[in-house]
Each structure stands twice: as structure tokens, then as C-alpha cells.
Amino acid sequence: MSEQTQAKRKVQIGDKLRGADKVRTIPLVNEEGGYQRKPDWIRVRVPANGEIQRIKTLLRKQKLHTVCEEAACPNLPECFGGGTATFMIMGDICTRRCAFCDVGFGRPNALDPEEPVHLAESVENLELSYVVITSVDRDDLADGGAEHFAECIRQVRSRTPDTTIEILTPDFRPCMDTALDILEATAPDVFNHNIETVPDLYKHIRPGARYQHSLDLLKQYKSRRPDVSTKSGIMVGLGETFDQVIATIRDLRAHDVDMITIGQYLQPSKHHAPVERFVHPDEFREYARIAEELGFISVASGPMVRSSYHADLQHKGVDVGIHKPA
């Protein structure tokens, strides 16, 4: 796309909503060619909070990473300020290069056998009642890292047995059956795998993954462990249509996914996929309404929603709803 075309591009929001009589637009670039400020509903205030630095110091001491930091999550101030974090295990180098993700790509280091113990110690020290454990893709490992996930679950349960554990896994594409065998035997309380986007955008946005494979992973885990809640998330603003998002929501429910998150994609850097539109909160409310009608037990849909945002409340069945800036 030429610079001239980019300068003229506008983003349509709300035009697909039921009963909408006008198309509202927000230009991505202004008349001088610079990027516009983000809409008010997706701005983040960063508070001066010593708790944030305390958590970061503790994590560095334990040689742990959080997806909150690595993925430049806009909710980091709120979550860290509240004494919570989503831990990212198996290093901070991913074997895949997705167009939306800010995590580093390359050849990962060997697994740290002490990481599960360090993770469990951090969960205990932070007095977490709910912990989310995620990871980079590790296609270099025969089991995709499933046994490392399992060991983290075992160590946390051993040290803080009352902590609820959610795992946010990669797709285990080269080794799904092996990974499912392991995580069936050592199960979390919530099994989360993000579908990320609509199928028509996979080739560009998530080239190393396959849409149907991710759906099958979620469905097969639920069939193996019906007692464990399943969860998935979608980003919007990457160029998808309203109807494509609804079709993806329907696919997830048809594959026995219990909980869903829907949030606005934000470009981590100029080297990542551009934001094609800023989705209005009204559209997120419509997604939530449809998802609830389809039977999801919990729906979090809003501009600032991310897969792990208020995960503890979602697990309790609380309607997280639209995140509104303070």
C-alpha cells in the first residue's frame, strides 16, 4: 500500500451493527501524514505504583518472564498494580513469527528444569489465588513443551494447592496427540488456546498455524476432560468483517469452547501488521450479546480485553463485559 493510499485510508466502525443508520469513521492518519491518537476508549493510564516494580524485580530474581511484558499488553499497569501476572514459560524466544505478536523470534534456548519450581515459588510469594501460565511456541520440542506445562501445574499445586490454574497453550501442531495425552493426565482448571483471528486472515496473520487444527485442539481436550473449562480468544481490527467474527464465535461454540474473550488488536511496532480499524465499543457489545445467546458460560468483549484479563472472574462465571478507561 502506497503512502498516499495510507494517508487517505479511513476505518469504518459500527457499520455492521444491527440498526445502524450511519457509517462512523476514524482516520488512522491525519492530514499531515502522522498517526492519529487512539480513541478515548482504548487509552491506558500508567499509574505510579511501586507494586509494579516489586513484581518485576521478583520475576527477574526468579528468571521468569511474563506475557504482560513480552507482548506489551496494555493492561499491564492494572494487572501488575493489582498483584497479578500471566507467566510465560519456556523462554522468551518463539519458533514462529506471527504478524501480530511482539514476542521475539528465533532459536530458543534449552528448557530450564528449575523453572517450574521458580514459578511455583513466585505464585506463593505473590499470594496468587489464580494464575495463568502461557508459553512461546516450541516446535523444536517433541511434545511442544506439554510436559513442561504439566510440571509447572504439579509444582504450583504442590506449593499452593488452593490456587486455580489456567494454561494458555500453543497449538501443539506437530504433536497434538502427545501433548493432549500429557495434559489430560495432568490437567489445569482452565484449558485456553487462542484462535486469534478469522480463518481468512490466517495466512497473513498466523502463517504457522491452521484454523481447523486450533478448533480441533480445543474440542478434543474438552472431550477428554469434560470437567475442565475450555477458553479461547479473538483479536479484532486486523481487517476482518463483522460477519467473519460472528462465524468464528459460532465455530468456537460448536467446538465446545466454554469461555471467550474478544479484544482490540493494537500494533506493537511499525514492523507488525497494521491496525485496520478501531472497533467501537458498541460492536463489542453486539459480539458479547451474540456470544451469550450461543451459550458461552462467560464472555469478555471490549477494546481493552485480552485473553488473560480478569481471567479469575471469567472462571467464576462473572460477566467481565466492556473494559472502560478510568
Protein backbone atom coordinates (compact mmCIF):
# COMPACT_ATOMS: atom_id res chain seq x y z
CA MET A 1 0.00 0.00 0.00
CA SER A 2 1.47 3.40 -1.04
CA GLU A 3 2.00 6.23 1.46
CA GLN A 4 -0.59 8.28 -0.41
CA THR A 5 -3.14 5.49 -0.08
CA GLN A 6 -2.34 5.05 3.59
CA ALA A 7 -2.81 8.77 4.19
CA LYS A 8 -6.30 8.59 2.75
CA ARG A 9 -7.33 5.37 4.45
CA LYS A 10 -10.19 5.55 6.92
CA VAL A 11 -11.59 2.95 9.23
CA GLN A 12 -15.26 2.10 9.23
CA ILE A 13 -16.69 1.19 12.61
CA GLY A 14 -20.17 0.32 13.62
CA ASP A 15 -21.45 -0.01 10.04
CA LYS A 16 -22.35 -3.66 10.51
CA LEU A 17 -24.28 -3.15 13.73
CA ARG A 18 -27.94 -4.00 13.77
CA GLY A 19 -29.99 -0.86 13.17
CA ALA A 20 -27.00 1.36 12.38
CA ASP A 21 -28.04 4.12 10.02
CA LYS A 22 -24.69 5.81 9.54
CA VAL A 23 -21.10 4.74 8.99
CA ARG A 24 -18.79 6.29 11.56
CA THR A 25 -15.14 6.68 10.59
CA ILE A 26 -11.89 7.31 12.39
CA PRO A 27 -8.92 8.17 10.14
CA LEU A 28 -5.79 6.22 11.01
CA VAL A 29 -3.59 9.07 9.77
CA ASN A 30 -4.18 12.79 9.93
CA GLU A 31 -3.84 15.42 7.21
CA GLU A 32 -0.14 15.88 7.97
CA GLY A 33 0.51 12.17 7.44
CA GLY A 34 1.03 11.38 11.11
CA TYR A 35 -0.89 8.76 13.04
CA GLN A 36 -3.96 9.91 14.93
CA ARG A 37 -4.24 9.44 18.66
CA LYS A 38 -6.04 6.29 19.67
CA PRO A 39 -9.73 6.66 20.53
CA ASP A 40 -10.56 7.51 24.14
CA TRP A 41 -11.90 4.02 24.78
CA ILE A 42 -8.51 2.34 24.28
CA ARG A 43 -6.22 4.72 26.08
CA VAL A 44 -4.31 3.46 29.10
CA ARG A 45 -3.19 5.45 32.09
CA VAL A 46 0.04 4.25 33.66
CA PRO A 47 -0.13 4.85 37.41
CA ALA A 48 2.86 5.47 39.60
CA ASN A 49 2.77 2.23 41.53
CA GLY A 50 5.62 0.66 43.45
CA GLU A 51 3.87 -2.72 43.26
CA ILE A 52 4.65 -2.93 39.53
CA GLN A 53 8.38 -2.60 40.10
CA ARG A 54 8.25 -5.02 43.04
CA ILE A 55 6.71 -7.71 40.85
CA LYS A 56 9.20 -7.10 38.04
CA THR A 57 12.11 -7.36 40.49
CA LEU A 58 10.77 -10.62 41.91
CA LEU A 59 10.31 -12.09 38.43
CA ARG A 60 13.84 -11.19 37.33
CA LYS A 61 15.24 -12.75 40.50
CA GLN A 62 13.42 -15.99 39.66
CA LYS A 63 14.46 -15.73 35.97
CA LEU A 64 10.80 -15.66 34.92
CA HIS A 65 9.08 -13.82 32.09
CA THR A 66 5.52 -12.56 31.84
CA VAL A 67 3.48 -12.26 28.68
CA CYS A 68 2.29 -8.98 30.17
CA GLU A 69 5.75 -7.54 29.45
CA GLU A 70 6.82 -9.56 26.40
CA ALA A 71 3.59 -8.95 24.46
CA ALA A 72 3.40 -5.28 25.52
CA CYS A 73 -0.06 -5.84 26.98
CA PRO A 74 -1.93 -2.55 27.54
CA ASN A 75 -3.40 -3.88 30.80
CA LEU A 76 0.00 -4.38 32.45
CA PRO A 77 -0.39 -1.40 34.83
CA GLU A 78 -3.78 -2.60 36.05
CA CYS A 79 -2.80 -6.25 36.43
CA PHE A 80 0.67 -5.68 37.93
CA GLY A 81 -0.75 -2.93 40.12
CA GLY A 82 -3.25 -5.45 41.43
CA GLY A 83 -0.56 -8.02 42.18
CA THR A 84 -1.34 -10.43 39.33
CA ALA A 85 0.58 -11.64 36.29
CA THR A 86 0.44 -14.13 33.46
CA PHE A 87 3.64 -16.16 33.47
CA MET A 88 5.35 -17.07 30.20
CA ILE A 89 7.36 -20.26 30.47
CA MET A 90 9.96 -21.94 28.22
CA GLY A 91 11.86 -18.73 27.50
CA ASP A 92 11.10 -15.56 25.58
CA ILE A 93 12.08 -16.71 22.08
CA CYS A 94 9.36 -18.21 19.86
CA THR A 95 9.83 -20.66 16.97
CA ARG A 96 7.12 -18.87 14.96
CA ARG A 97 6.83 -15.35 13.64
CA CYS A 98 3.22 -14.18 13.76
CA ALA A 99 2.42 -10.77 12.30
CA PHE A 100 0.61 -9.56 15.44
CA CYS A 101 2.95 -10.74 18.19
CA ASP A 102 5.71 -8.78 19.92
CA VAL A 103 7.49 -11.83 21.36
CA GLY A 104 10.96 -12.44 19.92
CA PHE A 105 11.50 -14.98 17.12
CA GLY A 106 14.49 -17.27 16.70
CA ARG A 107 16.17 -20.41 18.03
CA PRO A 108 15.06 -20.94 21.64
CA ASN A 109 17.38 -21.88 24.45
CA ALA A 110 17.17 -25.23 26.21
CA LEU A 111 14.43 -25.58 28.80
CA ASP A 112 15.29 -24.56 32.34
CA PRO A 113 14.50 -27.61 34.54
CA GLU A 114 14.23 -25.32 37.59
CA GLU A 115 11.63 -23.05 36.01
CA PRO A 116 8.56 -24.93 37.33
CA VAL A 117 9.91 -24.65 40.89
CA HIS A 118 10.72 -20.95 40.45
CA LEU A 119 7.24 -20.39 39.04
CA ALA A 120 5.58 -22.10 41.98
CA GLU A 121 7.69 -20.08 44.43
CA SER A 122 6.63 -16.86 42.71
CA VAL A 123 2.96 -17.83 42.81
CA GLU A 124 3.34 -18.45 46.54
CA ASN A 125 5.29 -15.23 47.19
CA LEU A 126 2.74 -13.16 45.27
CA GLU A 127 -0.08 -14.94 47.11
CA LEU A 128 -1.95 -15.60 43.87
CA SER A 129 -5.29 -17.36 44.10
CA TYR A 130 -5.46 -17.58 40.30
CA VAL A 131 -2.53 -17.99 37.94
CA VAL A 132 -2.30 -18.07 34.14
CA ILE A 133 0.60 -19.96 32.60
CA THR A 134 1.37 -19.46 28.92
CA SER A 135 4.34 -20.04 26.64
CA VAL A 136 6.02 -19.30 23.38
CA ASP A 137 5.63 -21.85 20.59
CA ARG A 138 8.26 -24.57 20.96
CA ASP A 139 8.07 -26.52 17.71
CA ASP A 140 11.64 -27.65 18.43
CA LEU A 141 10.40 -29.93 21.25
CA ALA A 142 8.94 -33.38 20.60
CA ASP A 143 5.93 -32.67 22.83
CA GLY A 144 5.74 -28.93 22.10
CA GLY A 145 6.51 -28.27 25.76
CA ALA A 146 3.45 -30.09 27.13
CA GLU A 147 5.44 -31.94 29.81
CA HIS A 148 6.95 -28.64 30.96
CA PHE A 149 3.42 -27.24 31.31
CA ALA A 150 2.47 -30.34 33.30
CA GLU A 151 5.43 -29.98 35.63
CA CYS A 152 4.52 -26.34 36.26
CA ILE A 153 0.99 -27.43 37.15
CA ARG A 154 2.32 -30.09 39.53
CA GLN A 155 4.74 -27.71 41.25
CA VAL A 156 2.12 -24.97 41.75
CA ARG A 157 -0.39 -27.49 43.10
CA SER A 158 2.24 -28.89 45.44
CA ARG A 159 3.14 -25.49 46.91
CA THR A 160 -0.24 -23.66 46.75
CA PRO A 161 -2.95 -26.30 46.31
CA ASP A 162 -5.80 -23.78 46.50
CA THR A 163 -4.52 -21.74 43.53
CA THR A 164 -6.67 -22.05 40.42
CA ILE A 165 -4.53 -22.76 37.34
CA GLU A 166 -5.26 -21.69 33.78
CA ILE A 167 -2.91 -22.65 30.97
CA LEU A 168 -2.84 -20.73 27.68
CA THR A 169 -1.17 -23.14 25.29
CA PRO A 170 0.30 -23.05 21.80
CA ASP A 171 -1.43 -25.22 19.20
CA PHE A 172 0.95 -28.22 19.56
CA ARG A 173 0.54 -28.60 15.80
CA PRO A 174 3.38 -31.08 15.22
CA CYS A 175 2.43 -33.23 18.23
CA MET A 176 -1.18 -32.68 19.28
CA ASP A 177 -1.97 -36.24 20.40
CA THR A 178 1.18 -36.46 22.53
CA ALA A 179 0.51 -33.09 24.13
CA LEU A 180 -3.13 -33.93 24.83
CA ASP A 181 -2.14 -37.23 26.47
CA ILE A 182 0.17 -35.34 28.85
CA LEU A 183 -2.25 -32.54 29.68
CA GLU A 184 -5.15 -34.93 30.08
CA ALA A 185 -3.21 -36.76 32.78
CA THR A 186 -2.06 -33.53 34.49
CA ALA A 187 -4.95 -31.17 33.91
CA PRO A 188 -5.32 -27.47 34.73
CA ASP A 189 -8.56 -25.89 35.88
CA VAL A 190 -8.91 -24.00 32.59
CA PHE A 191 -7.51 -25.03 29.20
CA ASN A 192 -7.09 -21.94 27.00
CA HIS A 193 -5.92 -21.77 23.40
CA ASN A 194 -6.46 -18.63 21.33
CA ILE A 195 -7.96 -18.85 17.85
CA GLU A 196 -6.58 -15.28 17.43
CA THR A 197 -8.34 -14.24 14.20
CA VAL A 198 -10.77 -15.28 11.48
CA PRO A 199 -9.73 -18.07 9.08
CA ASP A 200 -9.35 -15.80 6.03
CA LEU A 201 -6.55 -13.89 7.78
CA TYR A 202 -4.53 -16.88 8.97
CA LYS A 203 -2.15 -16.95 6.00
CA HIS A 204 -1.05 -13.39 6.67
CA ILE A 205 -1.51 -13.02 10.43
CA ARG A 206 -0.80 -16.51 11.77
CA PRO A 207 1.08 -18.31 8.96
CA GLY A 208 2.48 -21.14 11.09
CA ALA A 209 -0.94 -22.19 12.39
CA ARG A 210 -4.10 -23.75 10.94
CA TYR A 211 -7.58 -22.57 11.93
CA GLN A 212 -9.23 -26.00 11.95
CA HIS A 213 -6.35 -27.51 13.91
CA SER A 214 -6.85 -24.96 16.70
CA LEU A 215 -10.57 -25.71 16.78
CA ASP A 216 -9.84 -29.44 16.91
CA LEU A 217 -7.35 -28.97 19.76
CA LEU A 218 -9.99 -27.25 21.88
CA LYS A 219 -12.71 -29.77 21.07
CA GLN A 220 -10.52 -32.82 21.64
CA TYR A 221 -9.30 -31.55 25.00
CA LYS A 222 -12.87 -30.92 26.12
CA SER A 223 -13.89 -34.42 25.03
CA ARG A 224 -11.01 -35.90 27.04
CA ARG A 225 -11.55 -33.73 30.13
CA PRO A 226 -15.18 -32.53 30.22
CA ASP A 227 -14.57 -31.40 33.81
CA VAL A 228 -12.08 -28.74 32.65
CA SER A 229 -13.33 -25.42 31.27
CA THR A 230 -12.12 -24.52 27.78
CA LYS A 231 -11.45 -20.99 26.61
CA SER A 232 -10.35 -19.09 23.51
CA GLY A 233 -9.78 -15.52 22.34
CA ILE A 234 -10.10 -13.40 19.21
CA MET A 235 -8.49 -10.10 18.20
CA VAL A 236 -10.43 -7.67 16.00
CA GLY A 237 -9.22 -4.71 13.97
CA LEU A 238 -6.95 -6.73 11.66
CA GLY A 239 -9.14 -6.45 8.57
CA GLU A 240 -11.87 -8.96 9.37
CA THR A 241 -15.57 -8.27 8.78
CA PHE A 242 -18.32 -8.31 11.38
CA ASP A 243 -19.83 -11.44 9.81
CA GLN A 244 -16.47 -13.23 9.86
CA VAL A 245 -16.12 -12.56 13.59
CA ILE A 246 -19.61 -13.93 14.24
CA ALA A 247 -18.81 -17.04 12.18
CA THR A 248 -15.65 -17.59 14.26
CA ILE A 249 -17.58 -17.17 17.51
CA ARG A 250 -20.07 -19.76 16.27
CA ASP A 251 -17.24 -22.14 15.33
CA LEU A 252 -15.74 -21.91 18.81
CA ARG A 253 -19.06 -22.67 20.49
CA ALA A 254 -19.67 -25.56 18.07
CA HIS A 255 -16.31 -26.99 19.22
CA ASP A 256 -17.40 -26.95 22.87
CA VAL A 257 -15.49 -23.86 24.00
CA ASP A 258 -16.94 -22.58 27.28
CA MET A 259 -15.44 -19.09 27.60
CA ILE A 260 -14.45 -16.43 25.08
CA THR A 261 -12.51 -13.17 25.02
CA ILE A 262 -12.73 -10.57 22.24
CA GLY A 263 -10.44 -7.54 22.19
CA GLN A 264 -8.95 -4.82 20.00
CA TYR A 265 -5.69 -5.57 18.20
CA LEU A 266 -3.02 -2.91 18.81
CA GLN A 267 0.09 -2.80 16.65
CA PRO A 268 3.19 -3.46 18.81
CA SER A 269 5.52 -1.72 16.33
CA LYS A 270 5.68 -0.48 12.73
CA HIS A 271 7.11 -3.88 11.78
CA HIS A 272 3.91 -5.70 12.75
CA ALA A 273 0.55 -5.99 11.00
CA PRO A 274 -1.16 -2.58 10.92
CA VAL A 275 -4.39 -1.79 12.73
CA GLU A 276 -7.06 -1.73 10.04
CA ARG A 277 -9.76 -0.25 12.27
CA PHE A 278 -10.50 0.74 15.83
CA VAL A 279 -13.62 -1.19 16.74
CA HIS A 280 -16.27 0.81 18.57
CA PRO A 281 -17.49 -0.41 21.98
CA ASP A 282 -20.98 -0.81 20.52
CA GLU A 283 -19.67 -3.51 18.19
CA PHE A 284 -18.02 -5.31 21.09
CA ARG A 285 -21.36 -5.24 22.92
CA GLU A 286 -23.01 -6.84 19.91
CA TYR A 287 -20.37 -9.59 19.84
CA ALA A 288 -20.98 -10.19 23.54
CA ARG A 289 -24.73 -10.35 23.07
CA ILE A 290 -24.44 -12.95 20.31
CA ALA A 291 -21.85 -14.99 22.22
CA GLU A 292 -24.10 -15.10 25.28
CA GLU A 293 -27.03 -16.22 23.13
CA LEU A 294 -24.86 -19.05 21.76
CA GLY A 295 -24.33 -20.37 25.29
CA PHE A 296 -20.80 -19.38 26.36
CA ILE A 297 -20.68 -19.52 30.14
CA SER A 298 -18.57 -16.36 30.30
CA VAL A 299 -17.89 -13.60 27.73
CA ALA A 300 -15.32 -10.79 27.93
CA SER A 301 -15.71 -8.44 24.96
CA GLY A 302 -14.25 -4.96 24.85
CA PRO A 303 -11.45 -2.82 23.40
CA MET A 304 -9.02 -3.47 26.25
CA VAL A 305 -9.90 -7.13 26.81
CA ARG A 306 -7.07 -9.62 26.45
CA SER A 307 -7.06 -13.37 26.86
CA SER A 308 -5.93 -13.28 30.49
CA TYR A 309 -7.70 -10.09 31.51
CA HIS A 310 -9.76 -10.77 34.65
CA ALA A 311 -9.32 -14.49 33.98
CA ASP A 312 -10.15 -15.21 37.61
CA LEU A 313 -13.55 -13.53 37.27
CA GLN A 314 -14.28 -15.30 34.00
CA HIS A 315 -13.59 -18.67 35.62
CA LYS A 316 -16.17 -17.80 38.27
CA GLY A 317 -18.71 -17.05 35.53
CA VAL A 318 -18.69 -13.30 36.11
CA ASP A 319 -19.63 -11.22 33.06
CA VAL A 320 -16.47 -9.17 32.61
CA GLY A 321 -18.13 -7.02 29.94
CA ILE A 322 -16.68 -3.92 28.34
CA HIS A 323 -13.50 -2.52 29.82
CA LYS A 324 -13.94 1.24 30.23
CA PRO A 325 -10.99 3.55 30.81
CA ALA A 326 -10.87 5.24 34.20
